[in-house]
Amino acid sequence: MQYRSFGRTGMQVAPLALGTFNFGRATLEDEAARMIDYALDAGINLIDTADSYHDGGSERVVGRALARSGRRRDVILATKVHYATGAGPNDRGNSRLHILRACEASLRRLQTDAIDLYQIHRPSPHVPVEETLRALDDLVRQGKVRYVGCSTHPAWQVMEALMVSERRSLVRYASEQPPYNLLDRRIENELVPLCQKYGLALLPWGPLGMGVLAGRYDGQIPAGSRAAEIGGIYAERVTARGMEVGRRFSALARDAGLTPAQLAILWNKEQPGITAPIAGPRTLAQLQELLPVLDMTLPDDLRDACDDLVPPGSAVVDFHNTAPWMKMRVSV
């Protein structure tokens, strides 16, 4: 496996990251700990979580697992801030007050002295980006955060943040974490070229299309899935059109001797500009299925076949439905 440069930083990361949205909810804590150890043994070294995942439950599970195993130094530990962590008006958003408070709480839950990658989970249109960046800059100067990034931001706001960082000598975003999979390729139009030009790592979330690209949807929503158990925005991402693409995609994978989940990750990690897709398996078996992809490359004919299903820059399902700034909606 070849490690990849994390944007223009000196960090090296595996071409696949472990997402922990299921930890503290669908994945029991003992299973989560086994998954973390298994991922680290396989060479995966970036673990991504967020303070909003199950009221901090995911961070607690990750923190306890790393404390028990003594493997904190093996991990690039990433978490996020933005969503509500309490009922108060200042318990959310990208203000200095919320960021500083939330960071302290994440450090406690993760049982660590420093967060390796602290990410702004979503943009706050009413908070000046300079205020957000100054708070992040202070956290870096205090040694509580090592690198900073953002998630699901439009390209223009990423560019604005880079400009403000340059002009004010503030910490610079090292990465962006957007939704990206074969069902929704819209980041290829502006965000990917921007990140390539200015040296930001790209860490896509949702590379399996919520399981649609893993062959888990056969015309209906399966029990135990996020769409079935949580509904809402997750159910909105499961459409008849998307499931039809998923069915044809699964056939492509089988013809290539791969599982659909393996091809979904392989396609994602081999796209231009991508550093490491974030896979969030629910079980150890699902994680084990993905690991062979770490050493694979994507043949040109298979890449072309995927482009025929969903052309570059287009979308058949809306994975930006948690981003109010995205005005273009995908017709279903």
C-alpha atoms as a PDB file:
ATOM      1  CA  MET A   1       0.000   0.000   0.000  1.00  0.00           C
ATOM      2  CA  GLN A   2       1.231   3.455  -0.886  1.00  0.00           C
ATOM      3  CA  TYR A   3       0.551   6.258   1.565  1.00  0.00           C
ATOM      4  CA  ARG A   4      -0.512   9.626   0.215  1.00  0.00           C
ATOM      5  CA  SER A   5       0.469  13.168   1.104  1.00  0.00           C
ATOM      6  CA  PHE A   6      -2.198  14.965   3.093  1.00  0.00           C
ATOM      7  CA  GLY A   7      -2.550  18.050   0.936  1.00  0.00           C
ATOM      8  CA  ARG A   8       0.522  20.205   1.257  1.00  0.00           C
ATOM      9  CA  THR A   9       1.180  19.167   4.865  1.00  0.00           C
ATOM     10  CA  GLY A  10       3.889  16.709   5.808  1.00  0.00           C
ATOM     11  CA  MET A  11       1.405  14.067   6.953  1.00  0.00           C
ATOM     12  CA  GLN A  12       1.088  10.752   5.163  1.00  0.00           C
ATOM     13  CA  VAL A  13      -2.228   8.885   5.166  1.00  0.00           C
ATOM     14  CA  ALA A  14      -3.514   5.589   3.867  1.00  0.00           C
ATOM     15  CA  PRO A  15      -5.807   5.863   0.814  1.00  0.00           C
ATOM     16  CA  LEU A  16      -8.771   4.830   2.952  1.00  0.00           C
ATOM     17  CA  ALA A  17      -9.973   6.319   6.251  1.00  0.00           C
ATOM     18  CA  LEU A  18     -12.150   4.786   8.956  1.00  0.00           C
ATOM     19  CA  GLY A  19     -15.388   6.650   9.615  1.00  0.00           C
ATOM     20  CA  THR A  20     -17.147   6.169  12.940  1.00  0.00           C
ATOM     21  CA  PHE A  21     -20.699   7.400  12.451  1.00  0.00           C
ATOM     22  CA  ASN A  22     -21.995   3.941  13.448  1.00  0.00           C
ATOM     23  CA  PHE A  23     -19.958   3.859  16.660  1.00  0.00           C
ATOM     24  CA  GLY A  24     -22.118   4.548  19.664  1.00  0.00           C
ATOM     25  CA  ARG A  25     -25.281   3.609  17.770  1.00  0.00           C
ATOM     26  CA  ALA A  26     -25.407   0.618  15.401  1.00  0.00           C
ATOM     27  CA  THR A  27     -21.956  -0.735  16.303  1.00  0.00           C
ATOM     28  CA  LEU A  28     -21.443  -2.023  19.840  1.00  0.00           C
ATOM     29  CA  GLU A  29     -18.379  -0.706  21.653  1.00  0.00           C
ATOM     30  CA  ASP A  30     -16.446  -3.999  21.726  1.00  0.00           C
ATOM     31  CA  GLU A  31     -16.983  -4.438  17.997  1.00  0.00           C
ATOM     32  CA  ALA A  32     -15.894  -0.841  17.372  1.00  0.00           C
ATOM     33  CA  ALA A  33     -12.666  -1.413  19.304  1.00  0.00           C
ATOM     34  CA  ARG A  34     -11.934  -4.528  17.251  1.00  0.00           C
ATOM     35  CA  MET A  35     -12.567  -2.582  14.063  1.00  0.00           C
ATOM     36  CA  ILE A  36     -10.165   0.168  15.092  1.00  0.00           C
ATOM     37  CA  ASP A  37      -7.418  -2.340  15.888  1.00  0.00           C
ATOM     38  CA  TYR A  38      -8.033  -4.236  12.660  1.00  0.00           C
ATOM     39  CA  ALA A  39      -7.915  -1.058  10.588  1.00  0.00           C
ATOM     40  CA  LEU A  40      -4.669   0.054  12.228  1.00  0.00           C
ATOM     41  CA  ASP A  41      -3.124  -3.381  11.706  1.00  0.00           C
ATOM     42  CA  ALA A  42      -4.013  -3.098   8.010  1.00  0.00           C
ATOM     43  CA  GLY A  43      -2.257   0.273   7.735  1.00  0.00           C
ATOM     44  CA  ILE A  44      -5.244   2.624   7.894  1.00  0.00           C
ATOM     45  CA  ASN A  45      -4.141   5.536  10.047  1.00  0.00           C
ATOM     46  CA  LEU A  46      -6.878   8.200   9.826  1.00  0.00           C
ATOM     47  CA  ILE A  47      -9.971   7.841  12.030  1.00  0.00           C
ATOM     48  CA  ASP A  48     -12.751  10.379  11.552  1.00  0.00           C
ATOM     49  CA  THR A  49     -15.521  11.230  13.995  1.00  0.00           C
ATOM     50  CA  ALA A  50     -17.573  14.287  15.081  1.00  0.00           C
ATOM     51  CA  ASP A  51     -18.886  15.761  18.306  1.00  0.00           C
ATOM     52  CA  SER A  52     -22.442  15.585  16.927  1.00  0.00           C
ATOM     53  CA  TYR A  53     -22.406  11.832  16.252  1.00  0.00           C
ATOM     54  CA  HIS A  54     -24.882  10.451  18.789  1.00  0.00           C
ATOM     55  CA  ASP A  55     -24.408  13.231  21.349  1.00  0.00           C
ATOM     56  CA  GLY A  56     -20.662  12.638  21.502  1.00  0.00           C
ATOM     57  CA  GLY A  57     -21.067   8.874  21.776  1.00  0.00           C
ATOM     58  CA  SER A  58     -18.842   8.155  18.801  1.00  0.00           C
ATOM     59  CA  GLU A  59     -16.016  10.275  20.240  1.00  0.00           C
ATOM     60  CA  ARG A  60     -16.323   8.492  23.590  1.00  0.00           C
ATOM     61  CA  VAL A  61     -16.118   5.053  21.961  1.00  0.00           C
ATOM     62  CA  VAL A  62     -13.068   6.046  19.907  1.00  0.00           C
ATOM     63  CA  GLY A  63     -11.387   7.655  22.909  1.00  0.00           C
ATOM     64  CA  ARG A  64     -11.894   4.650  25.160  1.00  0.00           C
ATOM     65  CA  ALA A  65     -10.733   2.212  22.471  1.00  0.00           C
ATOM     66  CA  LEU A  66      -7.488   4.103  21.834  1.00  0.00           C
ATOM     67  CA  ALA A  67      -6.863   4.556  25.570  1.00  0.00           C
ATOM     68  CA  ARG A  68      -7.276   0.818  26.207  1.00  0.00           C
ATOM     69  CA  SER A  69      -5.096  -0.253  23.298  1.00  0.00           C
ATOM     70  CA  GLY A  70      -2.416   2.388  23.852  1.00  0.00           C
ATOM     71  CA  ARG A  71      -2.375   3.093  20.089  1.00  0.00           C
ATOM     72  CA  ARG A  72      -3.166   6.798  20.064  1.00  0.00           C
ATOM     73  CA  ARG A  73       0.182   7.607  18.404  1.00  0.00           C
ATOM     74  CA  ASP A  74      -0.684   5.281  15.518  1.00  0.00           C
ATOM     75  CA  VAL A  75      -3.702   7.409  14.608  1.00  0.00           C
ATOM     76  CA  ILE A  76      -4.363  10.673  12.810  1.00  0.00           C
ATOM     77  CA  LEU A  77      -7.428  11.538  14.869  1.00  0.00           C
ATOM     78  CA  ALA A  78      -9.990  13.757  13.172  1.00  0.00           C
ATOM     79  CA  THR A  79     -13.184  15.220  14.562  1.00  0.00           C
ATOM     80  CA  LYS A  80     -15.599  17.993  13.657  1.00  0.00           C
ATOM     81  CA  VAL A  81     -17.474  20.946  15.183  1.00  0.00           C
ATOM     82  CA  HIS A  82     -20.570  22.877  14.120  1.00  0.00           C
ATOM     83  CA  TYR A  83     -23.782  21.013  14.910  1.00  0.00           C
ATOM     84  CA  ALA A  84     -25.692  21.474  18.146  1.00  0.00           C
ATOM     85  CA  THR A  85     -24.175  19.954  21.268  1.00  0.00           C
ATOM     86  CA  GLY A  86     -26.736  21.448  23.643  1.00  0.00           C
ATOM     87  CA  ALA A  87     -29.977  23.376  23.829  1.00  0.00           C
ATOM     88  CA  GLY A  88     -28.476  26.856  24.163  1.00  0.00           C
ATOM     89  CA  PRO A  89     -28.157  29.385  21.325  1.00  0.00           C
ATOM     90  CA  ASN A  90     -24.347  29.279  21.603  1.00  0.00           C
ATOM     91  CA  ASP A  91     -24.137  25.474  21.612  1.00  0.00           C
ATOM     92  CA  ARG A  92     -23.829  25.315  17.836  1.00  0.00           C
ATOM     93  CA  GLY A  93     -22.296  27.002  14.823  1.00  0.00           C
ATOM     94  CA  ASN A  94     -18.848  28.352  14.004  1.00  0.00           C
ATOM     95  CA  SER A  95     -18.477  31.172  16.499  1.00  0.00           C
ATOM     96  CA  ARG A  96     -15.325  31.512  18.554  1.00  0.00           C
ATOM     97  CA  LEU A  97     -17.303  30.779  21.708  1.00  0.00           C
ATOM     98  CA  HIS A  98     -18.740  27.510  20.447  1.00  0.00           C
ATOM     99  CA  ILE A  99     -15.534  26.290  18.772  1.00  0.00           C
ATOM    100  CA  LEU A 100     -13.388  26.795  21.882  1.00  0.00           C
ATOM    101  CA  ARG A 101     -15.942  25.173  24.171  1.00  0.00           C
ATOM    102  CA  ALA A 102     -16.580  22.296  21.785  1.00  0.00           C
ATOM    103  CA  CYS A 103     -12.879  21.580  21.341  1.00  0.00           C
ATOM    104  CA  GLU A 104     -12.376  21.200  25.086  1.00  0.00           C
ATOM    105  CA  ALA A 105     -15.321  18.800  25.254  1.00  0.00           C
ATOM    106  CA  SER A 106     -14.017  16.736  22.325  1.00  0.00           C
ATOM    107  CA  LEU A 107     -10.563  16.501  23.905  1.00  0.00           C
ATOM    108  CA  ARG A 108     -12.160  15.085  27.065  1.00  0.00           C
ATOM    109  CA  ARG A 109     -14.302  12.572  25.212  1.00  0.00           C
ATOM    110  CA  LEU A 110     -11.417  11.471  22.993  1.00  0.00           C
ATOM    111  CA  GLN A 111      -9.072  11.249  25.999  1.00  0.00           C
ATOM    112  CA  THR A 112      -6.302  13.024  24.149  1.00  0.00           C
ATOM    113  CA  ASP A 113      -4.164  16.135  24.562  1.00  0.00           C
ATOM    114  CA  ALA A 114      -4.507  17.202  20.928  1.00  0.00           C
ATOM    115  CA  ILE A 115      -6.768  16.656  17.943  1.00  0.00           C
ATOM    116  CA  ASP A 116      -4.788  15.988  14.780  1.00  0.00           C
ATOM    117  CA  LEU A 117      -7.417  17.330  12.358  1.00  0.00           C
ATOM    118  CA  TYR A 118     -10.188  19.632  13.605  1.00  0.00           C
ATOM    119  CA  GLN A 119     -12.812  20.276  10.943  1.00  0.00           C
ATOM    120  CA  ILE A 120     -15.635  22.770  10.570  1.00  0.00           C
ATOM    121  CA  HIS A 121     -18.544  20.395   9.922  1.00  0.00           C
ATOM    122  CA  ARG A 122     -20.656  22.852   7.892  1.00  0.00           C
ATOM    123  CA  PRO A 123     -20.384  26.544   6.994  1.00  0.00           C
ATOM    124  CA  SER A 124     -22.106  29.200   9.107  1.00  0.00           C
ATOM    125  CA  PRO A 125     -23.291  31.923   6.710  1.00  0.00           C
ATOM    126  CA  HIS A 126     -23.820  34.447   9.510  1.00  0.00           C
ATOM    127  CA  VAL A 127     -20.401  34.047  11.176  1.00  0.00           C
ATOM    128  CA  PRO A 128     -17.465  35.824   9.502  1.00  0.00           C
ATOM    129  CA  VAL A 129     -14.890  33.269   8.420  1.00  0.00           C
ATOM    130  CA  GLU A 130     -12.169  35.373  10.090  1.00  0.00           C
ATOM    131  CA  GLU A 131     -13.750  34.733  13.508  1.00  0.00           C
ATOM    132  CA  THR A 132     -13.804  30.983  12.831  1.00  0.00           C
ATOM    133  CA  LEU A 133     -10.218  30.935  11.591  1.00  0.00           C
ATOM    134  CA  ARG A 134      -8.923  33.010  14.529  1.00  0.00           C
ATOM    135  CA  ALA A 135     -10.458  30.538  16.962  1.00  0.00           C
ATOM    136  CA  LEU A 136      -8.866  27.646  15.071  1.00  0.00           C
ATOM    137  CA  ASP A 137      -5.551  29.514  14.914  1.00  0.00           C
ATOM    138  CA  ASP A 138      -5.577  29.955  18.687  1.00  0.00           C
ATOM    139  CA  LEU A 139      -6.248  26.237  19.184  1.00  0.00           C
ATOM    140  CA  VAL A 140      -3.293  25.376  16.966  1.00  0.00           C
ATOM    141  CA  ARG A 141      -1.015  27.841  18.782  1.00  0.00           C
ATOM    142  CA  GLN A 142      -2.122  26.346  22.125  1.00  0.00           C
ATOM    143  CA  GLY A 143      -1.180  22.851  20.906  1.00  0.00           C
ATOM    144  CA  LYS A 144      -4.726  21.530  21.227  1.00  0.00           C
ATOM    145  CA  VAL A 145      -5.159  21.111  17.461  1.00  0.00           C
ATOM    146  CA  ARG A 146      -2.516  20.248  14.867  1.00  0.00           C
ATOM    147  CA  TYR A 147      -4.275  20.803  11.520  1.00  0.00           C
ATOM    148  CA  VAL A 148      -7.657  22.232  10.548  1.00  0.00           C
ATOM    149  CA  GLY A 149     -10.079  21.535   7.748  1.00  0.00           C
ATOM    150  CA  CYS A 150     -13.684  21.887   6.673  1.00  0.00           C
ATOM    151  CA  SER A 151     -16.522  19.666   5.527  1.00  0.00           C
ATOM    152  CA  THR A 152     -19.252  20.073   2.902  1.00  0.00           C
ATOM    153  CA  HIS A 153     -18.316  23.666   2.077  1.00  0.00           C
ATOM    154  CA  PRO A 154     -18.905  25.215  -1.342  1.00  0.00           C
ATOM    155  CA  ALA A 155     -15.767  25.864  -3.346  1.00  0.00           C
ATOM    156  CA  TRP A 156     -16.129  29.641  -3.043  1.00  0.00           C
ATOM    157  CA  GLN A 157     -16.166  29.497   0.759  1.00  0.00           C
ATOM    158  CA  VAL A 158     -13.095  27.273   0.818  1.00  0.00           C
ATOM    159  CA  MET A 159     -11.363  29.798  -1.434  1.00  0.00           C
ATOM    160  CA  GLU A 160     -12.520  32.675   0.796  1.00  0.00           C
ATOM    161  CA  ALA A 161     -11.080  30.935   3.860  1.00  0.00           C
ATOM    162  CA  LEU A 162      -7.750  30.393   2.091  1.00  0.00           C
ATOM    163  CA  MET A 163      -7.651  34.075   1.142  1.00  0.00           C
ATOM    164  CA  VAL A 164      -8.420  35.242   4.684  1.00  0.00           C
ATOM    165  CA  SER A 165      -5.806  32.877   6.115  1.00  0.00           C
ATOM    166  CA  GLU A 166      -3.235  34.292   3.720  1.00  0.00           C
ATOM    167  CA  ARG A 167      -4.088  37.940   4.359  1.00  0.00           C
ATOM    168  CA  ARG A 168      -4.381  37.645   8.146  1.00  0.00           C
ATOM    169  CA  SER A 169      -1.576  35.101   8.686  1.00  0.00           C
ATOM    170  CA  LEU A 170      -4.012  32.618  10.211  1.00  0.00           C
ATOM    171  CA  VAL A 171      -3.999  28.825  10.170  1.00  0.00           C
ATOM    172  CA  ARG A 172      -4.938  27.440   6.752  1.00  0.00           C
ATOM    173  CA  TYR A 173      -7.420  24.708   5.918  1.00  0.00           C
ATOM    174  CA  ALA A 174      -5.499  21.549   5.094  1.00  0.00           C
ATOM    175  CA  SER A 175      -8.484  19.538   3.887  1.00  0.00           C
ATOM    176  CA  GLU A 176     -12.108  19.487   2.801  1.00  0.00           C
ATOM    177  CA  GLN A 177     -14.491  16.600   3.468  1.00  0.00           C
ATOM    178  CA  PRO A 178     -17.288  16.593   0.861  1.00  0.00           C
ATOM    179  CA  PRO A 179     -20.013  14.101  -0.073  1.00  0.00           C
ATOM    180  CA  TYR A 180     -18.754  12.180  -3.084  1.00  0.00           C
ATOM    181  CA  ASN A 181     -19.633   8.930  -4.782  1.00  0.00           C
ATOM    182  CA  LEU A 182     -20.681   7.708  -8.217  1.00  0.00           C
ATOM    183  CA  LEU A 183     -24.264   8.794  -7.524  1.00  0.00           C
ATOM    184  CA  ASP A 184     -23.299  12.430  -6.848  1.00  0.00           C
ATOM    185  CA  ARG A 185     -20.211  13.709  -8.687  1.00  0.00           C
ATOM    186  CA  ARG A 186     -20.865  17.443  -8.527  1.00  0.00           C
ATOM    187  CA  ILE A 187     -17.696  18.271  -6.576  1.00  0.00           C
ATOM    188  CA  GLU A 188     -15.725  17.450  -9.729  1.00  0.00           C
ATOM    189  CA  ASN A 189     -16.890  20.711 -11.311  1.00  0.00           C
ATOM    190  CA  GLU A 190     -15.290  23.237  -8.935  1.00  0.00           C
ATOM    191  CA  LEU A 191     -14.209  21.813  -5.583  1.00  0.00           C
ATOM    192  CA  VAL A 192     -11.826  19.141  -6.855  1.00  0.00           C
ATOM    193  CA  PRO A 193      -9.936  21.519  -9.188  1.00  0.00           C
ATOM    194  CA  LEU A 194      -9.696  24.093  -6.382  1.00  0.00           C
ATOM    195  CA  CYS A 195      -8.257  21.571  -3.932  1.00  0.00           C
ATOM    196  CA  GLN A 196      -5.795  20.299  -6.507  1.00  0.00           C
ATOM    197  CA  LYS A 197      -4.591  23.813  -7.320  1.00  0.00           C
ATOM    198  CA  TYR A 198      -4.215  24.988  -3.721  1.00  0.00           C
ATOM    199  CA  GLY A 199      -3.042  21.759  -2.124  1.00  0.00           C
ATOM    200  CA  LEU A 200      -5.967  20.644   0.046  1.00  0.00           C
ATOM    201  CA  ALA A 201      -6.547  17.002   0.882  1.00  0.00           C
ATOM    202  CA  LEU A 202      -9.954  15.625  -0.107  1.00  0.00           C
ATOM    203  CA  LEU A 203     -11.633  13.152   2.265  1.00  0.00           C
ATOM    204  CA  PRO A 204     -14.970  12.156   0.707  1.00  0.00           C
ATOM    205  CA  TRP A 205     -17.783  10.977   2.934  1.00  0.00           C
ATOM    206  CA  GLY A 206     -20.511   8.616   1.724  1.00  0.00           C
ATOM    207  CA  PRO A 207     -18.333   6.712  -0.795  1.00  0.00           C
ATOM    208  CA  LEU A 208     -20.722   3.725  -0.717  1.00  0.00           C
ATOM    209  CA  GLY A 209     -23.745   5.899  -1.410  1.00  0.00           C
ATOM    210  CA  MET A 210     -25.297   4.833   1.912  1.00  0.00           C
ATOM    211  CA  GLY A 211     -25.021   1.222   0.779  1.00  0.00           C
ATOM    212  CA  VAL A 212     -26.753   1.738  -2.572  1.00  0.00           C
ATOM    213  CA  LEU A 213     -23.412   1.231  -4.326  1.00  0.00           C
ATOM    214  CA  ALA A 214     -22.615  -1.716  -2.043  1.00  0.00           C
ATOM    215  CA  GLY A 215     -25.478  -3.779  -3.439  1.00  0.00           C
ATOM    216  CA  ARG A 216     -27.530  -3.582  -0.234  1.00  0.00           C
ATOM    217  CA  TYR A 217     -30.660  -2.072  -1.802  1.00  0.00           C
ATOM    218  CA  ASP A 218     -32.737  -4.257  -4.106  1.00  0.00           C
ATOM    219  CA  GLY A 219     -35.663  -2.007  -4.820  1.00  0.00           C
ATOM    220  CA  GLN A 220     -36.477  -1.446  -1.151  1.00  0.00           C
ATOM    221  CA  ILE A 221     -34.899  -0.060   2.007  1.00  0.00           C
ATOM    222  CA  PRO A 222     -33.411  -2.896   4.114  1.00  0.00           C
ATOM    223  CA  ALA A 223     -34.008  -3.162   7.839  1.00  0.00           C
ATOM    224  CA  GLY A 224     -31.135  -1.856   9.952  1.00  0.00           C
ATOM    225  CA  SER A 225     -30.005   0.729   7.401  1.00  0.00           C
ATOM    226  CA  ARG A 226     -29.715   4.415   8.248  1.00  0.00           C
ATOM    227  CA  ALA A 227     -32.534   5.154   5.829  1.00  0.00           C
ATOM    228  CA  ALA A 228     -34.807   2.725   7.690  1.00  0.00           C
ATOM    229  CA  GLU A 229     -33.771   3.504  11.273  1.00  0.00           C
ATOM    230  CA  ILE A 230     -33.163   7.264  11.100  1.00  0.00           C
ATOM    231  CA  GLY A 231     -35.087   8.274   7.986  1.00  0.00           C
ATOM    232  CA  GLY A 232     -35.172  11.977   7.147  1.00  0.00           C
ATOM    233  CA  ILE A 233     -32.188  13.141   5.125  1.00  0.00           C
ATOM    234  CA  TYR A 234     -30.893   9.572   4.915  1.00  0.00           C
ATOM    235  CA  ALA A 235     -34.106   8.227   3.408  1.00  0.00           C
ATOM    236  CA  GLU A 236     -34.086  11.092   0.894  1.00  0.00           C
ATOM    237  CA  ARG A 237     -30.809   9.742  -0.525  1.00  0.00           C
ATOM    238  CA  VAL A 238     -32.353   6.392  -1.424  1.00  0.00           C
ATOM    239  CA  THR A 239     -34.287   6.819  -4.649  1.00  0.00           C
ATOM    240  CA  ALA A 240     -35.550   4.547  -7.398  1.00  0.00           C
ATOM    241  CA  ARG A 241     -33.146   6.160  -9.856  1.00  0.00           C
ATOM    242  CA  GLY A 242     -30.211   5.680  -7.528  1.00  0.00           C
ATOM    243  CA  MET A 243     -31.107   2.049  -6.846  1.00  0.00           C
ATOM    244  CA  GLU A 244     -31.254   1.371 -10.582  1.00  0.00           C
ATOM    245  CA  VAL A 245     -27.733   2.782 -10.996  1.00  0.00           C
ATOM    246  CA  GLY A 246     -26.714   0.697  -7.988  1.00  0.00           C
ATOM    247  CA  ARG A 247     -28.078  -2.453  -9.614  1.00  0.00           C
ATOM    248  CA  ARG A 248     -26.113  -1.838 -12.816  1.00  0.00           C
ATOM    249  CA  PHE A 249     -23.034  -0.863 -10.820  1.00  0.00           C
ATOM    250  CA  SER A 250     -23.239  -4.150  -8.881  1.00  0.00           C
ATOM    251  CA  ALA A 251     -23.262  -6.056 -12.157  1.00  0.00           C
ATOM    252  CA  LEU A 252     -20.118  -4.181 -13.267  1.00  0.00           C
ATOM    253  CA  ALA A 253     -18.396  -5.110 -10.024  1.00  0.00           C
ATOM    254  CA  ARG A 254     -19.254  -8.786 -10.263  1.00  0.00           C
ATOM    255  CA  ASP A 255     -18.038  -8.918 -13.875  1.00  0.00           C
ATOM    256  CA  ALA A 256     -14.736  -7.445 -12.671  1.00  0.00           C
ATOM    257  CA  GLY A 257     -14.393  -9.999  -9.876  1.00  0.00           C
ATOM    258  CA  LEU A 258     -15.103  -7.470  -7.135  1.00  0.00           C
ATOM    259  CA  THR A 259     -17.870  -6.918  -4.641  1.00  0.00           C
ATOM    260  CA  PRO A 260     -19.934  -3.769  -5.249  1.00  0.00           C
ATOM    261  CA  ALA A 261     -18.565  -2.210  -2.037  1.00  0.00           C
ATOM    262  CA  GLN A 262     -14.993  -2.850  -3.169  1.00  0.00           C
ATOM    263  CA  LEU A 263     -15.590  -1.233  -6.546  1.00  0.00           C
ATOM    264  CA  ALA A 264     -17.309   1.775  -4.945  1.00  0.00           C
ATOM    265  CA  ILE A 265     -14.273   2.429  -2.733  1.00  0.00           C
ATOM    266  CA  LEU A 266     -11.812   1.662  -5.520  1.00  0.00           C
ATOM    267  CA  TRP A 267     -13.536   4.060  -7.929  1.00  0.00           C
ATOM    268  CA  ASN A 268     -13.581   6.773  -5.277  1.00  0.00           C
ATOM    269  CA  LYS A 269      -9.983   6.530  -4.117  1.00  0.00           C
ATOM    270  CA  GLU A 270      -8.687   6.439  -7.708  1.00  0.00           C
ATOM    271  CA  GLN A 271     -10.465   9.624  -8.814  1.00  0.00           C
ATOM    272  CA  PRO A 272      -8.287  12.701  -9.475  1.00  0.00           C
ATOM    273  CA  GLY A 273      -7.577  14.791  -6.395  1.00  0.00           C
ATOM    274  CA  ILE A 274      -8.944  12.306  -3.859  1.00  0.00           C
ATOM    275  CA  THR A 275      -6.735  11.634  -0.827  1.00  0.00           C
ATOM    276  CA  ALA A 276      -8.744   9.062   1.142  1.00  0.00           C
ATOM    277  CA  PRO A 277     -12.455   8.229   1.067  1.00  0.00           C
ATOM    278  CA  ILE A 278     -13.999   7.775   4.508  1.00  0.00           C
ATOM    279  CA  ALA A 279     -15.723   4.417   4.838  1.00  0.00           C
ATOM    280  CA  GLY A 280     -18.028   3.944   7.821  1.00  0.00           C
ATOM    281  CA  PRO A 281     -18.605   0.191   8.133  1.00  0.00           C
ATOM    282  CA  ARG A 282     -21.072  -1.088  10.708  1.00  0.00           C
ATOM    283  CA  THR A 283     -19.349  -4.446  11.320  1.00  0.00           C
ATOM    284  CA  LEU A 284     -15.862  -5.891  11.284  1.00  0.00           C
ATOM    285  CA  ALA A 285     -16.858  -8.094   8.341  1.00  0.00           C
ATOM    286  CA  GLN A 286     -17.794  -5.028   6.292  1.00  0.00           C
ATOM    287  CA  LEU A 287     -14.428  -3.464   7.088  1.00  0.00           C
ATOM    288  CA  GLN A 288     -12.564  -6.631   6.145  1.00  0.00           C
ATOM    289  CA  GLU A 289     -14.348  -6.687   2.793  1.00  0.00           C
ATOM    290  CA  LEU A 290     -12.930  -3.266   1.906  1.00  0.00           C
ATOM    291  CA  LEU A 291      -9.301  -3.752   2.882  1.00  0.00           C
ATOM    292  CA  PRO A 292      -8.087  -5.474  -0.323  1.00  0.00           C
ATOM    293  CA  VAL A 293      -8.874  -2.233  -2.170  1.00  0.00           C
ATOM    294  CA  LEU A 294      -5.913  -0.573  -0.429  1.00  0.00           C
ATOM    295  CA  ASP A 295      -3.573  -2.293  -2.896  1.00  0.00           C
ATOM    296  CA  MET A 296      -5.744  -2.082  -6.035  1.00  0.00           C
ATOM    297  CA  THR A 297      -5.793   0.287  -9.004  1.00  0.00           C
ATOM    298  CA  LEU A 298      -8.765   1.025 -11.247  1.00  0.00           C
ATOM    299  CA  PRO A 299      -8.511  -0.238 -14.853  1.00  0.00           C
ATOM    300  CA  ASP A 300      -9.358   2.323 -17.525  1.00  0.00           C
ATOM    301  CA  ASP A 301     -12.153   0.238 -19.019  1.00  0.00           C
ATOM    302  CA  LEU A 302     -13.843  -0.057 -15.640  1.00  0.00           C
ATOM    303  CA  ARG A 303     -13.472   3.696 -15.071  1.00  0.00           C
ATOM    304  CA  ASP A 304     -15.101   4.327 -18.452  1.00  0.00           C
ATOM    305  CA  ALA A 305     -17.961   1.966 -17.640  1.00  0.00           C
ATOM    306  CA  CYS A 306     -18.624   3.872 -14.412  1.00  0.00           C
ATOM    307  CA  ASP A 307     -18.602   7.162 -16.352  1.00  0.00           C
ATOM    308  CA  ASP A 308     -21.245   5.707 -18.656  1.00  0.00           C
ATOM    309  CA  LEU A 309     -23.495   5.072 -15.644  1.00  0.00           C
ATOM    310  CA  VAL A 310     -23.144   8.600 -14.229  1.00  0.00           C
ATOM    311  CA  PRO A 311     -21.165  11.099 -16.336  1.00  0.00           C
ATOM    312  CA  PRO A 312     -18.425  13.199 -14.699  1.00  0.00           C
ATOM    313  CA  GLY A 313     -19.677  16.228 -12.804  1.00  0.00           C
ATOM    314  CA  SER A 314     -23.294  15.079 -12.718  1.00  0.00           C
ATOM    315  CA  ALA A 315     -25.574  13.469 -10.162  1.00  0.00           C
ATOM    316  CA  VAL A 316     -28.541  11.119  -9.959  1.00  0.00           C
ATOM    317  CA  VAL A 317     -29.004  11.374  -6.162  1.00  0.00           C
ATOM    318  CA  ASP A 318     -28.654  14.419  -3.893  1.00  0.00           C
ATOM    319  CA  PHE A 319     -25.960  13.809  -1.272  1.00  0.00           C
ATOM    320  CA  HIS A 320     -25.701  17.556  -0.669  1.00  0.00           C
ATOM    321  CA  ASN A 321     -29.152  17.615   0.940  1.00  0.00           C
ATOM    322  CA  THR A 322     -27.568  18.640   4.263  1.00  0.00           C
ATOM    323  CA  ALA A 323     -25.999  21.675   2.550  1.00  0.00           C
ATOM    324  CA  PRO A 324     -28.528  24.518   2.225  1.00  0.00           C
ATOM    325  CA  TRP A 325     -26.103  26.428   0.008  1.00  0.00           C
ATOM    326  CA  MET A 326     -26.446  23.811  -2.761  1.00  0.00           C
ATOM    327  CA  LYS A 327     -29.256  25.271  -4.864  1.00  0.00           C
ATOM    328  CA  MET A 328     -29.179  22.628  -7.585  1.00  0.00           C
ATOM    329  CA  ARG A 329     -31.429  19.723  -6.615  1.00  0.00           C
ATOM    330  CA  VAL A 330     -31.355  16.367  -8.317  1.00  0.00           C
ATOM    331  CA  SER A 331     -34.647  15.392  -9.896  1.00  0.00           C
ATOM    332  CA  VAL A 332     -35.914  11.962  -8.923  1.00  0.00           C
END
